[in-house]
């Protein structure tokens, strides 16, 4: 059974800071990267077949092709010494690379 991804309050709060009401944050999975799949995270407009996750007046969107790859995933925002970024904790990934943007299933 596919569970929709979840978005943390911290991720919605950061999205409100960088794009207040403008566009939604698109989280997609594409082929490529050093592990076979990679995340593509960007501001985008909502498409007809997108799953829309809402919180704090913000929207995170996932296209229908990426949705099975993100089943049960948690979309979060982290600030570390190496930088601040949106991160995905994906229970479907069997391995991931050090950069955190590429994974295999």
N, C-alpha and C. Protein backbone atom coordinates (compact mmCIF):
# COMPACT_ATOMS: atom_id res chain seq x y z
N UNK A 1 0.84 -1.19 0.00
CA UNK A 1 0.00 0.00 0.00
C UNK A 1 0.88 1.25 0.00
N UNK A 2 0.60 2.17 -0.90
CA UNK A 2 1.37 3.40 -0.98
C UNK A 2 0.86 4.42 0.02
N UNK A 3 1.75 4.89 0.87
CA UNK A 3 1.42 5.95 1.81
C UNK A 3 1.89 7.27 1.23
N UNK A 4 1.11 8.33 1.38
CA UNK A 4 1.59 9.62 0.85
C UNK A 4 2.80 10.10 1.65
N UNK A 5 3.68 10.84 1.01
CA UNK A 5 4.80 11.40 1.76
C UNK A 5 4.29 12.40 2.78
N UNK A 6 5.10 12.66 3.80
CA UNK A 6 4.76 13.64 4.83
C UNK A 6 5.76 14.78 4.73
N UNK A 7 5.31 15.97 5.10
CA UNK A 7 6.17 17.16 5.10
C UNK A 7 6.22 17.67 6.53
N UNK A 8 7.42 17.92 7.05
CA UNK A 8 7.55 18.40 8.42
C UNK A 8 7.18 19.88 8.52
N UNK A 9 6.85 20.30 9.73
CA UNK A 9 6.55 21.71 9.98
C UNK A 9 7.76 22.58 9.64
N UNK A 10 8.96 22.07 9.91
CA UNK A 10 10.19 22.82 9.62
C UNK A 10 10.33 23.07 8.12
N UNK A 11 9.97 22.08 7.30
CA UNK A 11 10.05 22.26 5.84
C UNK A 11 9.03 23.28 5.36
N UNK A 12 7.80 23.19 5.88
CA UNK A 12 6.79 24.18 5.49
C UNK A 12 7.21 25.58 5.93
N UNK A 13 7.80 25.72 7.12
CA UNK A 13 8.23 27.03 7.61
C UNK A 13 9.32 27.61 6.71
N UNK A 14 10.27 26.79 6.30
CA UNK A 14 11.35 27.28 5.42
C UNK A 14 10.79 27.67 4.05
N UNK A 15 9.84 26.89 3.56
CA UNK A 15 9.21 27.21 2.28
C UNK A 15 8.51 28.56 2.36
N UNK A 16 7.87 28.85 3.48
CA UNK A 16 7.20 30.14 3.66
C UNK A 16 8.20 31.30 3.63
N UNK A 17 9.43 31.05 4.10
CA UNK A 17 10.47 32.08 4.09
C UNK A 17 10.99 32.35 2.68
N UNK A 18 11.16 31.29 1.89
CA UNK A 18 11.81 31.47 0.58
C UNK A 18 10.83 31.73 -0.56
N UNK A 19 9.59 31.33 -0.40
CA UNK A 19 8.61 31.51 -1.49
C UNK A 19 7.23 31.75 -0.90
N UNK A 20 7.04 32.86 -0.21
CA UNK A 20 5.75 33.10 0.43
C UNK A 20 4.60 33.23 -0.58
N UNK A 21 3.83 32.16 -0.70
CA UNK A 21 2.65 32.18 -1.55
C UNK A 21 2.90 32.16 -3.04
N UNK A 22 4.14 32.13 -3.47
CA UNK A 22 4.43 32.20 -4.90
C UNK A 22 4.15 30.87 -5.58
N UNK A 23 5.07 29.97 -5.48
CA UNK A 23 4.92 28.67 -6.13
C UNK A 23 5.01 27.58 -5.06
N UNK A 24 4.74 26.36 -5.48
CA UNK A 24 4.85 25.22 -4.58
C UNK A 24 6.25 24.62 -4.70
N UNK A 25 6.63 23.84 -3.70
CA UNK A 25 7.90 23.12 -3.74
C UNK A 25 7.64 21.75 -4.38
N UNK A 26 8.22 21.53 -5.55
CA UNK A 26 8.05 20.25 -6.24
C UNK A 26 9.16 19.30 -5.80
N UNK A 27 8.76 18.09 -5.38
CA UNK A 27 9.70 17.03 -5.05
C UNK A 27 9.45 15.92 -6.06
N UNK A 28 10.45 15.62 -6.87
CA UNK A 28 10.32 14.61 -7.92
C UNK A 28 11.48 13.63 -7.84
N UNK A 29 11.27 12.46 -8.44
CA UNK A 29 12.32 11.45 -8.55
C UNK A 29 12.59 11.25 -10.03
N UNK A 30 13.88 11.28 -10.38
CA UNK A 30 14.29 11.10 -11.77
C UNK A 30 15.35 10.02 -11.84
N UNK A 31 15.50 9.41 -12.98
CA UNK A 31 16.59 8.47 -13.19
C UNK A 31 17.90 9.23 -13.27
N UNK A 32 18.97 8.64 -12.76
CA UNK A 32 20.28 9.29 -12.81
C UNK A 32 20.93 9.33 -11.45
N UNK A 33 21.92 10.15 -11.32
CA UNK A 33 22.67 10.25 -10.08
C UNK A 33 23.62 9.08 -9.94
N UNK A 34 24.41 9.09 -8.89
CA UNK A 34 25.43 8.05 -8.73
C UNK A 34 24.84 6.74 -8.19
N UNK A 35 23.58 6.74 -7.78
CA UNK A 35 22.98 5.52 -7.24
C UNK A 35 21.79 5.01 -8.05
N UNK A 36 21.45 5.63 -9.15
CA UNK A 36 20.36 5.13 -9.99
C UNK A 36 19.17 6.07 -10.09
N UNK A 37 18.80 6.70 -8.97
CA UNK A 37 17.71 7.68 -8.94
C UNK A 37 18.22 8.92 -8.23
N UNK A 38 17.61 10.06 -8.56
CA UNK A 38 17.98 11.28 -7.86
C UNK A 38 16.74 12.12 -7.61
N UNK A 39 16.80 12.91 -6.55
CA UNK A 39 15.71 13.83 -6.23
C UNK A 39 15.89 15.12 -7.01
N UNK A 40 14.78 15.68 -7.46
CA UNK A 40 14.77 16.99 -8.08
C UNK A 40 13.82 17.84 -7.25
N UNK A 41 14.36 18.83 -6.56
CA UNK A 41 13.57 19.68 -5.67
C UNK A 41 13.67 21.11 -6.18
N UNK A 42 12.51 21.70 -6.51
CA UNK A 42 12.51 23.05 -7.07
C UNK A 42 11.15 23.70 -6.86
N UNK A 43 11.10 25.00 -7.01
CA UNK A 43 9.84 25.72 -6.98
C UNK A 43 9.17 25.57 -8.33
N UNK A 44 7.87 25.31 -8.33
CA UNK A 44 7.18 25.03 -9.58
C UNK A 44 5.69 25.32 -9.41
N UNK A 45 5.00 25.35 -10.55
CA UNK A 45 3.55 25.50 -10.54
C UNK A 45 2.89 24.13 -10.39
N UNK A 46 1.70 24.12 -9.85
CA UNK A 46 0.96 22.88 -9.64
C UNK A 46 0.39 22.40 -10.98
N UNK A 47 0.58 21.11 -11.26
CA UNK A 47 0.04 20.48 -12.47
C UNK A 47 -1.20 19.68 -12.09
N UNK A 48 -1.97 19.30 -13.08
CA UNK A 48 -3.25 18.64 -12.86
C UNK A 48 -3.12 17.32 -12.11
N UNK A 49 -2.07 16.53 -12.38
CA UNK A 49 -1.96 15.21 -11.74
C UNK A 49 -1.09 15.20 -10.48
N UNK A 50 -0.75 16.37 -9.94
CA UNK A 50 0.09 16.44 -8.74
C UNK A 50 -0.68 16.11 -7.47
N UNK A 51 0.00 15.43 -6.55
CA UNK A 51 -0.48 15.31 -5.17
C UNK A 51 -0.06 16.60 -4.49
N UNK A 52 -0.98 17.27 -3.82
CA UNK A 52 -0.68 18.53 -3.14
C UNK A 52 -0.74 18.31 -1.64
N UNK A 53 0.38 18.56 -0.96
CA UNK A 53 0.47 18.47 0.49
C UNK A 53 0.53 19.89 1.03
N UNK A 54 -0.40 20.23 1.93
CA UNK A 54 -0.50 21.61 2.40
C UNK A 54 -0.24 21.72 3.89
N UNK A 55 0.41 22.83 4.27
CA UNK A 55 0.65 23.13 5.67
C UNK A 55 1.17 24.55 5.80
N UNK A 56 0.75 25.24 6.84
CA UNK A 56 1.21 26.60 7.13
C UNK A 56 1.03 27.53 5.93
N UNK A 57 -0.02 27.30 5.15
CA UNK A 57 -0.30 28.13 3.99
C UNK A 57 0.60 27.85 2.81
N UNK A 58 1.40 26.80 2.88
CA UNK A 58 2.35 26.45 1.83
C UNK A 58 1.95 25.13 1.18
N UNK A 59 2.51 24.86 -0.01
CA UNK A 59 2.19 23.64 -0.74
C UNK A 59 3.46 22.95 -1.21
N UNK A 60 3.49 21.63 -1.01
CA UNK A 60 4.53 20.77 -1.56
C UNK A 60 3.82 19.84 -2.52
N UNK A 61 4.37 19.68 -3.71
CA UNK A 61 3.71 18.88 -4.74
C UNK A 61 4.60 17.72 -5.19
N UNK A 62 3.93 16.61 -5.54
CA UNK A 62 4.62 15.41 -6.03
C UNK A 62 3.84 14.93 -7.25
N UNK A 63 4.55 14.70 -8.36
CA UNK A 63 3.87 14.23 -9.57
C UNK A 63 3.53 12.74 -9.43
N UNK A 64 2.59 12.27 -10.24
CA UNK A 64 2.09 10.90 -10.12
C UNK A 64 3.14 9.85 -10.44
N UNK A 65 4.14 10.16 -11.27
CA UNK A 65 5.19 9.20 -11.58
C UNK A 65 6.14 9.04 -10.39
N UNK A 66 6.44 10.13 -9.69
CA UNK A 66 7.36 10.09 -8.55
C UNK A 66 6.72 9.54 -7.28
N UNK A 67 5.42 9.60 -7.19
CA UNK A 67 4.71 9.24 -5.96
C UNK A 67 5.04 7.85 -5.44
N UNK A 68 5.06 6.78 -6.25
CA UNK A 68 5.39 5.46 -5.70
C UNK A 68 6.80 5.40 -5.11
N UNK A 69 7.75 6.17 -5.66
CA UNK A 69 9.11 6.19 -5.15
C UNK A 69 9.21 6.91 -3.80
N UNK A 70 8.22 7.74 -3.51
CA UNK A 70 8.23 8.55 -2.29
C UNK A 70 7.20 8.08 -1.26
N UNK A 71 6.67 6.88 -1.44
CA UNK A 71 5.66 6.35 -0.52
C UNK A 71 6.23 6.29 0.90
N UNK A 72 5.56 6.94 1.83
CA UNK A 72 5.98 6.94 3.23
C UNK A 72 7.19 7.80 3.54
N UNK A 73 7.71 8.55 2.58
CA UNK A 73 8.89 9.38 2.80
C UNK A 73 8.54 10.61 3.65
N UNK A 74 9.56 11.18 4.27
CA UNK A 74 9.40 12.40 5.05
C UNK A 74 10.27 13.48 4.41
N UNK A 75 9.64 14.59 4.06
CA UNK A 75 10.33 15.73 3.45
C UNK A 75 10.60 16.73 4.57
N UNK A 76 11.86 17.06 4.78
CA UNK A 76 12.25 17.89 5.90
C UNK A 76 13.21 18.97 5.42
N UNK A 77 13.58 19.87 6.31
CA UNK A 77 14.57 20.90 6.02
C UNK A 77 15.62 20.83 7.11
N UNK A 78 16.89 20.89 6.73
CA UNK A 78 17.96 20.81 7.71
C UNK A 78 18.97 21.92 7.48
N UNK A 79 19.55 22.38 8.56
CA UNK A 79 20.63 23.36 8.49
C UNK A 79 21.84 22.75 9.19
N UNK A 80 22.93 22.57 8.44
CA UNK A 80 24.15 21.99 8.96
C UNK A 80 25.33 22.89 8.59
N UNK A 81 26.49 22.55 9.06
CA UNK A 81 27.68 23.33 8.73
C UNK A 81 27.93 23.38 7.23
N UNK A 82 27.59 22.29 6.52
CA UNK A 82 27.84 22.25 5.08
C UNK A 82 26.78 22.98 4.28
N UNK A 83 25.71 23.41 4.94
CA UNK A 83 24.68 24.18 4.25
C UNK A 83 23.29 23.79 4.69
N UNK A 84 22.33 24.54 4.21
CA UNK A 84 20.92 24.29 4.51
C UNK A 84 20.25 23.74 3.27
N UNK A 85 19.37 22.75 3.45
CA UNK A 85 18.72 22.15 2.29
C UNK A 85 17.50 21.35 2.71
N UNK A 86 16.64 21.11 1.73
CA UNK A 86 15.53 20.19 1.94
C UNK A 86 16.09 18.77 1.82
N UNK A 87 15.68 17.88 2.70
CA UNK A 87 16.15 16.50 2.68
C UNK A 87 14.95 15.56 2.67
N UNK A 88 15.17 14.36 2.17
CA UNK A 88 14.11 13.37 2.10
C UNK A 88 14.56 12.11 2.81
N UNK A 89 13.80 11.71 3.81
CA UNK A 89 14.03 10.44 4.50
C UNK A 89 13.11 9.44 3.82
N UNK A 90 13.69 8.58 2.99
CA UNK A 90 12.91 7.70 2.14
C UNK A 90 13.05 6.25 2.58
N UNK A 91 11.98 5.64 3.12
CA UNK A 91 12.07 4.25 3.57
C UNK A 91 12.21 3.26 2.41
N UNK A 92 11.98 3.70 1.17
CA UNK A 92 12.09 2.83 0.01
C UNK A 92 13.51 2.73 -0.53
N UNK A 93 14.37 3.65 -0.14
CA UNK A 93 15.74 3.66 -0.65
C UNK A 93 16.56 2.59 0.06
N UNK A 94 17.18 1.70 -0.72
CA UNK A 94 18.02 0.66 -0.13
C UNK A 94 19.43 1.16 0.14
N UNK A 95 19.85 2.18 -0.59
CA UNK A 95 21.14 2.82 -0.34
C UNK A 95 21.09 4.22 -0.91
N UNK A 96 21.97 5.06 -0.41
CA UNK A 96 22.03 6.43 -0.93
C UNK A 96 23.49 6.87 -0.93
N UNK A 97 23.74 7.92 -1.71
CA UNK A 97 25.11 8.42 -1.78
C UNK A 97 25.33 9.45 -0.68
N UNK A 98 26.55 9.86 -0.52
CA UNK A 98 26.90 10.80 0.54
C UNK A 98 26.24 12.15 0.41
N UNK A 99 25.91 12.56 -0.81
CA UNK A 99 25.31 13.88 -1.02
C UNK A 99 23.85 13.91 -0.59
N UNK A 100 23.20 12.75 -0.50
CA UNK A 100 21.81 12.69 -0.06
C UNK A 100 20.80 12.98 -1.15
N UNK A 101 21.25 13.22 -2.37
CA UNK A 101 20.30 13.50 -3.45
C UNK A 101 20.13 12.33 -4.40
N UNK A 102 20.92 11.28 -4.23
CA UNK A 102 20.86 10.12 -5.12
C UNK A 102 20.63 8.87 -4.27
N UNK A 103 19.85 7.93 -4.81
CA UNK A 103 19.54 6.72 -4.05
C UNK A 103 19.23 5.58 -5.01
N UNK A 104 19.19 4.36 -4.45
CA UNK A 104 18.78 3.19 -5.23
C UNK A 104 17.67 2.48 -4.47
N UNK A 105 16.92 1.66 -5.23
CA UNK A 105 15.80 0.93 -4.64
C UNK A 105 15.93 -0.55 -4.94
